[in-house]
Amino acid sequence: MADFPYTDRYLVNRALPEHGRPRAEILAELAEMAQREDAAWETGKCSGTMYCGDHDHYDFLNDAFGLFSHVNTLQRDLCPSATKFEGEILAMALDLFHADAVTDGDPVGLLTTGGTGSILHAMLAYREYGAQHRGITRPNVVKPESAHPAFSKACHLLGIELRIAPINFETMQVDVEAVERLMDEHTVCLIGSASNYGWGTIDPISELGQLAIKFGCGLHVDGCLGGFILPFGEELGYDIAPFDFRVEGVTSISADTHKYGYALKGTSTLLFRDRAYRNAQYFFQPDWSGGKYHSPGIEGSRSGGMLAATWAAMVSLGRQGYLGYAKAIFETADAMKQAVASHEELRILGNPTFLFSFTSDVFDIYHVNDFLRKRGWRFNGQQYPNAIHMAVTRPQTQPGVAEAFASDLAEAVRYGIEHAGEKATSSAIYGGIDGGPNDEAAEFINAIMGSMLDTQMSLPPQLEA
């Protein structure tokens, strides 16, 4: 594992410093770190992660955030602006996902701190709704194997049985017949992805919707990744089947404003076909000595700055702004996919859109990843089958990036052929960190988590504060 970062450059604080440091000195140190780290993605060679990449936009959002950063959104009597921001963010998202098509419910939403937060709240809503309206005490949820692990985490935390449906490896979509075989009278929710993280493919949402109607359960569409770009791709004429509230049976959608919504990290929308689902997951404790307590979500205090910055991002871009960015992203993704398709040794998985994954039947695809890393590229690795993917974002749309990818990929393929049969260095762990084989995975991942949370205890004394 790597040493604790920056020990060679900055003092390490093991306790509060006895005397505070000058603000200018602190800001200079932070600016230096930020500049060094931004350089890693500004080239356009990093998959996903930085969805906007426009420093002017970030500066604008930071200004909006700063005006309300100190505000607690729980205190609406002191900050009624939070109600305006939150309500309008949700209204804009509901409009984007065609809530106007709903005739069998009253569409509403909830803002959360990210994709995992939206998924956790959705699973909580279905558990509680199933108990309140269907008398289900032993709920289960059926998800595609390709759906995000946040569903597994949510079910683990909430005591919901998780049933995992296999993938059709011809289409890289969930096997709908297998989903039906896993369902029963205790199923509270089905999951479909639009699109999934691994391969960028969209599950057959309309077919899942019919299953949800047949069994009388919910259908949650995970649009955390694709939610704020796929609607614009459809408008641009790309082959994107409806996945939103136009589809019968879809009862909730998660979509991250902090991805292709171009807001700051820490916000996501969770939208419901009917308010009965959202209301089911509210928490009340009216008999507490501190006063009658109620909470719309799992989080308590939230910064008003996040609401202000998210609202500012959406209203500053507008539909035409989002559409223009989507056009550039889809066109760049097409160019990069064409570069992959030009090599007979490589194979694109499924029918992806803005995010594409590819593998090789000739050599270990991680050899390609190893080579591309030397050229500054940061792809994400998948497994079962081994593959690497690129989530195209605005930084990739810079002039020359797609051309550089095509050139570097050609050399990487030659490298892969030359090293076929040898063990590659890189592998697949979500977030871009390399891992070992499955039997070592738990220990390895625990070490990774520790390295991110713990201060190393063997630092050179002269660097300690």
Protein backbone atom coordinates (compact mmCIF):
# COMPACT_ATOMS: atom_id res chain seq x y z
CA MET A 1 0.00 0.00 0.00
CA ALA A 2 1.06 3.56 -0.64
CA ASP A 3 2.36 5.70 2.20
CA PHE A 4 0.14 8.35 3.72
CA PRO A 5 -0.10 11.04 1.03
CA TYR A 6 1.98 14.21 0.94
CA THR A 7 4.25 13.28 3.83
CA ASP A 8 7.17 14.48 1.73
CA ARG A 9 5.64 17.94 1.21
CA TYR A 10 3.44 19.01 4.10
CA LEU A 11 3.23 18.77 7.88
CA VAL A 12 1.09 15.95 9.26
CA ASN A 13 -1.43 16.81 11.99
CA ARG A 14 -1.85 14.14 14.66
CA ALA A 15 -3.80 16.48 16.93
CA LEU A 16 -5.13 20.00 16.79
CA PRO A 17 -2.21 22.40 16.35
CA GLU A 18 -1.59 24.43 19.50
CA HIS A 19 -1.90 27.63 17.50
CA GLY A 20 -3.84 28.13 14.31
CA ARG A 21 -2.06 28.65 11.01
CA PRO A 22 -2.49 31.76 8.84
CA ARG A 23 -5.40 31.47 6.41
CA ALA A 24 -3.28 32.54 3.44
CA GLU A 25 -0.79 29.77 4.17
CA ILE A 26 -3.55 27.17 4.43
CA LEU A 27 -5.20 28.30 1.19
CA ALA A 28 -1.87 28.24 -0.64
CA GLU A 29 -1.30 24.65 0.50
CA LEU A 30 -4.79 23.61 -0.58
CA ALA A 31 -4.39 25.33 -3.95
CA GLU A 32 -1.16 23.48 -4.59
CA MET A 33 -2.76 20.11 -3.81
CA ALA A 34 -5.76 20.87 -6.00
CA GLN A 35 -3.61 21.93 -8.93
CA ARG A 36 -1.50 18.79 -8.73
CA GLU A 37 -4.54 16.52 -8.53
CA ASP A 38 -6.58 18.27 -11.22
CA ALA A 39 -3.76 17.66 -13.67
CA ALA A 40 -4.55 13.94 -13.52
CA TRP A 41 -7.93 14.37 -15.24
CA GLU A 42 -7.64 17.63 -17.17
CA THR A 43 -5.99 15.78 -20.06
CA GLY A 44 -9.28 13.97 -20.78
CA LYS A 45 -7.68 10.55 -20.24
CA CYS A 46 -9.63 9.63 -17.08
CA SER A 47 -12.80 7.54 -17.39
CA GLY A 48 -15.80 9.12 -15.65
CA THR A 49 -15.03 10.76 -12.29
CA MET A 50 -15.00 14.37 -13.53
CA TYR A 51 -18.20 14.82 -15.49
CA CYS A 52 -18.03 18.53 -16.26
CA GLY A 53 -14.34 19.40 -16.11
CA ASP A 54 -15.00 23.11 -16.63
CA HIS A 55 -13.23 25.17 -13.98
CA ASP A 56 -15.32 28.25 -14.76
CA HIS A 57 -18.43 26.17 -14.07
CA TYR A 58 -16.92 24.87 -10.83
CA ASP A 59 -16.04 28.41 -9.76
CA PHE A 60 -19.64 29.47 -10.41
CA LEU A 61 -20.98 26.55 -8.35
CA ASN A 62 -18.50 27.27 -5.57
CA ASP A 63 -19.77 30.85 -5.42
CA ALA A 64 -23.37 29.60 -5.18
CA PHE A 65 -22.39 27.03 -2.56
CA GLY A 66 -20.52 29.57 -0.49
CA LEU A 67 -23.57 31.79 -0.10
CA PHE A 68 -25.45 28.98 1.68
CA SER A 69 -22.67 26.66 2.90
CA HIS A 70 -23.33 27.53 6.55
CA VAL A 71 -27.07 26.94 6.34
CA ASN A 72 -28.72 23.83 7.79
CA THR A 73 -31.58 22.82 5.51
CA LEU A 74 -33.50 21.38 8.46
CA GLN A 75 -34.21 24.92 9.63
CA ARG A 76 -36.65 25.95 6.92
CA ASP A 77 -38.03 28.82 8.96
CA LEU A 78 -34.57 30.43 8.76
CA CYS A 79 -33.80 29.38 5.19
CA PRO A 80 -36.96 29.18 3.04
CA SER A 81 -34.63 29.30 0.02
CA ALA A 82 -33.87 25.61 0.68
CA THR A 83 -37.50 24.78 -0.07
CA LYS A 84 -37.33 26.75 -3.31
CA PHE A 85 -34.09 25.07 -4.41
CA GLU A 86 -35.12 21.56 -3.44
CA GLY A 87 -38.62 21.82 -4.86
CA GLU A 88 -37.44 23.21 -8.18
CA ILE A 89 -34.60 20.68 -8.55
CA LEU A 90 -37.12 17.88 -8.11
CA ALA A 91 -39.65 19.53 -10.42
CA MET A 92 -37.03 19.87 -13.18
CA ALA A 93 -35.98 16.25 -12.74
CA LEU A 94 -39.57 15.00 -12.77
CA ASP A 95 -40.17 16.95 -15.97
CA LEU A 96 -37.05 15.45 -17.57
CA PHE A 97 -38.29 11.92 -16.80
CA HIS A 98 -41.79 12.54 -18.12
CA ALA A 99 -43.72 12.58 -14.87
CA ASP A 100 -46.44 14.32 -16.88
CA ALA A 101 -47.18 10.93 -18.47
CA VAL A 102 -48.24 9.49 -15.10
CA THR A 103 -52.00 9.02 -14.81
CA ASP A 104 -52.01 6.51 -11.95
CA GLY A 105 -50.18 8.45 -9.26
CA ASP A 106 -48.92 11.74 -7.89
CA PRO A 107 -45.21 12.01 -8.84
CA VAL A 108 -42.86 13.40 -6.18
CA GLY A 109 -39.19 13.22 -5.26
CA LEU A 110 -36.47 13.34 -2.66
CA LEU A 111 -32.96 14.78 -2.74
CA THR A 112 -30.15 12.64 -1.34
CA THR A 113 -26.39 12.86 -0.97
CA GLY A 114 -25.54 10.64 -3.94
CA GLY A 115 -26.39 7.49 -5.88
CA THR A 116 -25.93 5.19 -2.91
CA GLY A 117 -28.13 7.47 -0.83
CA SER A 118 -30.88 7.41 -3.47
CA ILE A 119 -30.71 3.63 -3.74
CA LEU A 120 -30.76 3.19 0.03
CA HIS A 121 -33.80 5.45 0.37
CA ALA A 122 -35.57 3.66 -2.49
CA MET A 123 -35.07 0.26 -0.89
CA LEU A 124 -36.25 1.66 2.45
CA ALA A 125 -39.37 3.03 0.74
CA TYR A 126 -40.20 -0.32 -0.87
CA ARG A 127 -39.60 -2.25 2.35
CA GLU A 128 -41.90 0.05 4.30
CA TYR A 129 -44.51 0.31 1.54
CA GLY A 130 -44.59 -3.48 1.25
CA ALA A 131 -45.14 -3.79 4.99
CA GLN A 132 -47.78 -1.07 5.19
CA HIS A 133 -49.80 -1.84 2.06
CA ARG A 134 -49.14 -5.53 1.34
CA GLY A 135 -48.44 -6.96 4.77
CA ILE A 136 -44.98 -8.20 3.71
CA THR A 137 -42.74 -8.96 6.67
CA ARG A 138 -39.99 -10.87 4.82
CA PRO A 139 -39.37 -8.70 1.75
CA ASN A 140 -37.15 -9.57 -1.17
CA VAL A 141 -35.73 -7.53 -4.04
CA VAL A 142 -34.63 -8.93 -7.41
CA LYS A 143 -31.72 -7.18 -9.09
CA PRO A 144 -29.56 -7.92 -12.15
CA GLU A 145 -26.05 -9.09 -11.31
CA SER A 146 -24.84 -6.02 -13.21
CA ALA A 147 -26.78 -3.57 -11.03
CA HIS A 148 -24.73 -1.40 -8.72
CA PRO A 149 -23.44 -2.91 -5.44
CA ALA A 150 -25.23 -0.11 -3.61
CA PHE A 151 -28.36 -2.29 -3.89
CA SER A 152 -26.53 -5.11 -2.14
CA LYS A 153 -25.37 -2.68 0.54
CA ALA A 154 -28.88 -1.28 1.00
CA CYS A 155 -30.46 -4.71 1.31
CA HIS A 156 -27.74 -5.76 3.76
CA LEU A 157 -28.35 -2.70 5.94
CA LEU A 158 -32.14 -2.91 5.77
CA GLY A 159 -32.54 -6.66 6.25
CA ILE A 160 -34.04 -7.25 2.79
CA GLU A 161 -33.42 -10.55 1.02
CA LEU A 162 -31.56 -9.87 -2.22
CA ARG A 163 -32.09 -12.18 -5.17
CA ILE A 164 -29.66 -11.79 -8.05
CA ALA A 165 -30.70 -12.45 -11.63
CA PRO A 166 -28.11 -13.54 -14.23
CA ILE A 167 -27.10 -11.60 -17.32
CA ASN A 168 -27.73 -12.49 -20.94
CA PHE A 169 -24.17 -12.26 -22.25
CA GLU A 170 -25.37 -11.81 -25.81
CA THR A 171 -26.95 -8.46 -24.95
CA MET A 172 -25.28 -7.68 -21.60
CA GLN A 173 -28.75 -7.06 -20.18
CA VAL A 174 -30.60 -8.85 -17.40
CA ASP A 175 -32.29 -12.15 -18.26
CA VAL A 176 -35.96 -11.21 -17.84
CA GLU A 177 -37.17 -14.83 -17.65
CA ALA A 178 -34.68 -15.46 -14.85
CA VAL A 179 -36.01 -12.39 -13.04
CA GLU A 180 -39.54 -13.79 -13.16
CA ARG A 181 -38.41 -17.14 -11.78
CA LEU A 182 -36.92 -15.35 -8.77
CA MET A 183 -40.08 -13.39 -7.97
CA ASP A 184 -42.82 -14.33 -5.52
CA GLU A 185 -45.53 -12.77 -3.36
CA HIS A 186 -42.86 -11.30 -1.06
CA THR A 187 -41.06 -9.36 -3.81
CA VAL A 188 -41.34 -5.66 -3.07
CA CYS A 189 -39.21 -4.35 -5.92
CA LEU A 190 -37.38 -5.16 -9.15
CA ILE A 191 -34.27 -3.33 -10.33
CA GLY A 192 -33.28 -2.25 -13.83
CA SER A 193 -30.29 -0.11 -14.84
CA ALA A 194 -30.22 2.78 -17.31
CA SER A 195 -27.42 2.37 -17.78
CA ASN A 196 -25.36 -0.06 -15.70
CA TYR A 197 -21.92 1.00 -14.51
CA GLY A 198 -19.94 -1.91 -15.93
CA TRP A 199 -20.92 -2.05 -19.58
CA GLY A 200 -23.09 1.00 -20.19
CA THR A 201 -26.01 -1.11 -21.38
CA ILE A 202 -29.66 -0.45 -20.55
CA ASP A 203 -31.82 -3.24 -19.18
CA PRO A 204 -35.16 -4.02 -20.92
CA ILE A 205 -37.13 -1.69 -18.70
CA SER A 206 -40.49 -2.13 -20.46
CA GLU A 207 -40.35 -5.92 -19.97
CA LEU A 208 -39.41 -5.50 -16.32
CA GLY A 209 -42.29 -3.07 -15.98
CA GLN A 210 -44.74 -5.70 -17.15
CA LEU A 211 -43.36 -8.13 -14.58
CA ALA A 212 -43.75 -5.53 -11.85
CA ILE A 213 -47.39 -4.99 -12.84
CA LYS A 214 -48.03 -8.75 -12.98
CA PHE A 215 -46.67 -9.30 -9.45
CA GLY A 216 -47.95 -6.04 -8.01
CA CYS A 217 -44.50 -4.83 -6.93
CA GLY A 218 -42.35 -1.79 -7.62
CA LEU A 219 -39.76 -1.28 -10.34
CA HIS A 220 -36.82 0.97 -9.55
CA VAL A 221 -34.81 2.26 -12.50
CA ASP A 222 -31.23 3.05 -11.52
CA GLY A 223 -30.39 6.05 -13.64
CA CYS A 224 -27.78 7.31 -11.21
CA LEU A 225 -25.17 7.21 -13.96
CA GLY A 226 -27.16 7.78 -17.13
CA GLY A 227 -30.19 9.66 -15.91
CA PHE A 228 -29.09 13.15 -16.82
CA ILE A 229 -27.63 12.29 -20.23
CA LEU A 230 -29.74 9.50 -21.75
CA PRO A 231 -32.86 11.68 -22.20
CA PHE A 232 -30.80 14.09 -24.29
CA GLY A 233 -29.29 11.20 -26.24
CA GLU A 234 -32.82 10.06 -27.08
CA GLU A 235 -33.66 13.60 -28.18
CA LEU A 236 -30.57 13.58 -30.40
CA GLY A 237 -31.83 10.44 -32.15
CA TYR A 238 -29.72 7.76 -30.49
CA ASP A 239 -31.19 4.29 -30.03
CA ILE A 240 -32.31 4.68 -26.43
CA ALA A 241 -35.56 2.98 -25.46
CA PRO A 242 -37.79 4.75 -22.94
CA PHE A 243 -36.83 3.93 -19.37
CA ASP A 244 -38.64 6.60 -17.37
CA PHE A 245 -42.20 7.25 -16.17
CA ARG A 246 -43.54 6.77 -19.69
CA VAL A 247 -43.00 3.05 -19.09
CA GLU A 248 -45.83 1.29 -17.32
CA GLY A 249 -44.64 -0.33 -14.12
CA VAL A 250 -41.76 2.06 -13.40
CA THR A 251 -42.40 3.33 -9.88
CA SER A 252 -39.13 5.10 -9.04
CA ILE A 253 -36.00 6.48 -10.68
CA SER A 254 -32.66 7.52 -9.19
CA ALA A 255 -30.54 10.01 -11.12
CA ASP A 256 -27.40 11.73 -9.89
CA THR A 257 -27.24 15.47 -10.32
CA HIS A 258 -23.55 15.25 -9.38
CA LYS A 259 -22.72 13.23 -12.51
CA TYR A 260 -24.14 14.34 -15.86
CA GLY A 261 -26.27 16.91 -14.05
CA TYR A 262 -22.96 18.79 -13.61
CA ALA A 263 -23.57 19.74 -9.97
CA LEU A 264 -21.02 19.46 -7.18
CA LYS A 265 -20.38 16.04 -5.68
CA GLY A 266 -22.91 15.12 -3.03
CA THR A 267 -26.38 15.33 -4.61
CA SER A 268 -28.77 12.93 -6.31
CA THR A 269 -32.47 12.82 -7.07
CA LEU A 270 -34.85 10.01 -6.15
CA LEU A 271 -38.17 10.26 -7.93
CA PHE A 272 -41.37 8.31 -7.23
CA ARG A 273 -44.37 7.64 -9.44
CA ASP A 274 -46.62 8.25 -6.45
CA ARG A 275 -46.12 10.00 -3.13
CA ALA A 276 -47.29 6.91 -1.22
CA TYR A 277 -43.89 5.30 -1.88
CA ARG A 278 -41.93 8.33 -0.68
CA ASN A 279 -44.16 8.89 2.33
CA ALA A 280 -43.69 5.28 3.44
CA GLN A 281 -40.03 5.89 4.27
CA TYR A 282 -40.53 8.99 6.42
CA PHE A 283 -39.44 8.69 10.04
CA PHE A 284 -41.48 10.12 12.92
CA GLN A 285 -40.93 10.19 16.69
CA PRO A 286 -43.62 12.45 18.14
CA ASP A 287 -42.99 11.52 21.80
CA TRP A 288 -39.33 12.58 22.10
CA SER A 289 -38.58 14.93 25.02
CA GLY A 290 -36.67 17.23 22.67
CA GLY A 291 -39.78 17.90 20.63
CA LYS A 292 -41.75 16.15 17.90
CA TYR A 293 -39.13 14.74 15.52
CA HIS A 294 -39.66 13.97 11.87
CA SER A 295 -37.20 13.30 9.06
CA PRO A 296 -37.88 12.93 5.33
CA GLY A 297 -34.74 10.87 4.85
CA ILE A 298 -31.93 9.06 6.60
CA GLU A 299 -29.71 12.13 6.75
CA GLY A 300 -30.33 14.83 9.32
CA SER A 301 -28.47 18.07 8.77
CA ARG A 302 -27.53 19.00 5.22
CA SER A 303 -25.73 22.04 3.91
CA GLY A 304 -27.89 24.51 2.05
CA GLY A 305 -24.88 25.10 -0.17
CA MET A 306 -25.39 21.77 -1.93
CA LEU A 307 -28.99 22.64 -2.78
CA ALA A 308 -28.02 26.11 -4.00
CA ALA A 309 -25.16 24.82 -6.16
CA THR A 310 -27.26 22.03 -7.69
CA TRP A 311 -30.09 24.42 -8.49
CA ALA A 312 -27.59 26.89 -9.95
CA ALA A 313 -26.05 24.21 -12.18
CA MET A 314 -29.39 23.17 -13.62
CA VAL A 315 -30.85 26.60 -14.26
CA SER A 316 -27.59 28.01 -15.64
CA LEU A 317 -27.30 25.24 -18.27
CA GLY A 318 -30.95 24.77 -19.22
CA ARG A 319 -32.15 22.15 -21.70
CA GLN A 320 -30.06 23.51 -24.55
CA GLY A 321 -26.90 23.50 -22.46
CA TYR A 322 -27.41 19.88 -21.44
CA LEU A 323 -28.31 18.94 -25.00
CA GLY A 324 -25.13 20.53 -26.38
CA TYR A 325 -22.91 18.76 -23.87
CA ALA A 326 -24.68 15.45 -24.56
CA LYS A 327 -24.15 15.85 -28.31
CA ALA A 328 -20.41 16.31 -27.86
CA ILE A 329 -20.20 13.37 -25.45
CA PHE A 330 -22.14 10.96 -27.65
CA GLU A 331 -20.13 11.95 -30.71
CA THR A 332 -16.87 11.45 -28.82
CA ALA A 333 -18.06 8.08 -27.52
CA ASP A 334 -18.91 7.05 -31.07
CA ALA A 335 -15.44 8.00 -32.28
CA MET A 336 -13.78 6.08 -29.46
CA LYS A 337 -15.97 3.02 -30.04
CA GLN A 338 -15.04 3.10 -33.72
CA ALA A 339 -11.38 3.02 -32.71
CA VAL A 340 -12.05 -0.11 -30.63
CA ALA A 341 -14.09 -1.75 -33.38
CA SER A 342 -11.25 -1.23 -35.86
CA HIS A 343 -9.23 -3.94 -34.07
CA GLU A 344 -10.38 -7.50 -34.67
CA GLU A 345 -8.69 -8.53 -31.44
CA LEU A 346 -11.12 -6.38 -29.42
CA ARG A 347 -14.85 -6.76 -28.80
CA ILE A 348 -17.31 -4.18 -27.46
CA LEU A 349 -19.74 -5.66 -24.94
CA GLY A 350 -23.42 -5.25 -25.74
CA ASN A 351 -24.92 -2.14 -27.32
CA PRO A 352 -23.64 0.72 -25.12
CA THR A 353 -24.11 4.45 -25.52
CA PHE A 354 -21.97 7.10 -23.77
CA LEU A 355 -20.14 4.47 -21.69
CA PHE A 356 -18.60 1.48 -23.45
CA SER A 357 -16.74 -1.58 -22.26
CA PHE A 358 -14.52 -3.84 -24.34
CA THR A 359 -12.64 -7.09 -23.96
CA SER A 360 -10.44 -9.39 -26.01
CA ASP A 361 -10.77 -13.06 -26.92
CA VAL A 362 -7.11 -13.13 -27.99
CA PHE A 363 -5.27 -11.90 -24.89
CA ASP A 364 -5.93 -10.60 -21.37
CA ILE A 365 -7.49 -7.17 -21.87
CA TYR A 366 -5.70 -5.92 -18.77
CA HIS A 367 -2.51 -5.87 -20.89
CA VAL A 368 -4.18 -3.08 -22.87
CA ASN A 369 -4.97 -1.35 -19.59
CA ASP A 370 -1.35 -1.73 -18.44
CA PHE A 371 -0.07 -0.10 -21.62
CA LEU A 372 -2.62 2.71 -21.66
CA ARG A 373 -1.70 3.62 -18.10
CA LYS A 374 1.80 4.35 -19.25
CA ARG A 375 0.29 6.87 -21.66
CA GLY A 376 -1.66 8.56 -18.87
CA TRP A 377 -5.04 6.87 -19.41
CA ARG A 378 -7.17 5.78 -16.44
CA PHE A 379 -9.71 3.19 -17.54
CA ASN A 380 -11.91 1.23 -15.13
CA GLY A 381 -11.66 -2.55 -15.00
CA GLN A 382 -14.50 -5.09 -15.02
CA GLN A 383 -14.56 -8.84 -14.43
CA TYR A 384 -16.70 -11.81 -15.50
CA PRO A 385 -15.67 -11.25 -18.26
CA ASN A 386 -12.46 -9.28 -17.88
CA ALA A 387 -12.95 -5.94 -19.60
CA ILE A 388 -12.14 -2.23 -19.33
CA HIS A 389 -14.50 0.66 -19.85
CA MET A 390 -14.51 4.33 -20.64
CA ALA A 391 -17.30 6.55 -19.32
CA VAL A 392 -17.07 9.48 -21.71
CA THR A 393 -17.47 12.85 -20.02
CA ARG A 394 -16.83 16.44 -21.07
CA PRO A 395 -13.03 16.27 -20.61
CA GLN A 396 -12.89 13.61 -23.37
CA THR A 397 -14.62 15.99 -25.76
CA GLN A 398 -11.56 18.26 -25.84
CA PRO A 399 -9.90 18.48 -29.29
CA GLY A 400 -7.44 15.68 -29.93
CA VAL A 401 -8.43 13.34 -27.08
CA ALA A 402 -10.33 10.82 -29.21
CA GLU A 403 -7.51 10.85 -31.76
CA ALA A 404 -4.93 10.26 -29.03
CA PHE A 405 -7.00 7.34 -27.77
CA ALA A 406 -7.11 5.75 -31.22
CA SER A 407 -3.35 6.07 -31.61
CA ASP A 408 -2.50 4.81 -28.12
CA LEU A 409 -5.02 1.97 -28.40
CA ALA A 410 -3.36 0.69 -31.58
CA GLU A 411 -0.05 0.43 -29.75
CA ALA A 412 -1.76 -1.12 -26.73
CA VAL A 413 -3.24 -3.87 -28.89
CA ARG A 414 0.19 -4.69 -30.30
CA TYR A 415 1.49 -4.80 -26.73
CA GLY A 416 -1.34 -7.16 -25.76
CA ILE A 417 -0.55 -9.51 -28.62
CA GLU A 418 3.14 -9.53 -27.73
CA HIS A 419 2.38 -10.35 -24.08
CA ALA A 420 -0.46 -12.83 -24.63
CA GLY A 421 -0.17 -15.65 -22.12
CA GLU A 422 1.63 -13.49 -19.57
CA LYS A 423 0.03 -12.18 -16.39
CA ALA A 424 -1.14 -8.58 -16.57
CA THR A 425 -0.41 -6.14 -13.76
CA SER A 426 -3.80 -4.46 -13.45
CA SER A 427 -7.15 -5.98 -12.60
CA ALA A 428 -10.65 -4.89 -11.61
CA ILE A 429 -11.70 -3.00 -8.50
CA TYR A 430 -14.40 -0.32 -8.63
CA GLY A 431 -12.77 3.08 -8.51
CA GLY A 432 -9.65 2.17 -10.47
CA ILE A 433 -7.54 0.55 -7.73
CA ASP A 434 -5.95 -2.79 -8.60
CA GLY A 435 -6.81 -5.90 -6.64
CA GLY A 436 -5.84 -9.53 -6.23
CA PRO A 437 -7.70 -12.82 -6.72
CA ASN A 438 -11.03 -13.44 -5.01
CA ASP A 439 -9.61 -15.51 -2.15
CA GLU A 440 -7.51 -12.53 -1.12
CA ALA A 441 -10.11 -9.89 -1.90
CA ALA A 442 -11.55 -9.25 1.57
CA GLU A 443 -8.16 -8.79 3.20
CA PHE A 444 -6.92 -6.65 0.32
CA ILE A 445 -9.99 -4.41 0.27
CA ASN A 446 -9.86 -3.98 4.03
CA ALA A 447 -6.29 -2.77 3.60
CA ILE A 448 -7.38 -0.31 0.91
CA MET A 449 -10.15 1.07 3.13
CA GLY A 450 -7.74 1.42 6.00
CA SER A 451 -5.21 3.26 3.88
CA MET A 452 -7.86 5.85 2.99
CA LEU A 453 -9.06 6.38 6.55
CA ASP A 454 -6.03 5.90 8.78
CA THR A 455 -3.00 8.12 9.31
CA GLN A 456 0.17 6.05 9.02
CA MET A 457 1.95 5.79 12.37
CA SER A 458 5.50 5.51 11.04
CA LEU A 459 5.96 8.95 9.52
CA PRO A 460 9.35 10.64 9.64
CA PRO A 461 9.44 12.73 12.85
CA GLN A 462 10.58 15.87 11.06
CA LEU A 463 7.35 15.94 9.04
CA GLU A 464 5.01 15.75 12.01
CA ALA A 465 3.22 18.90 13.03
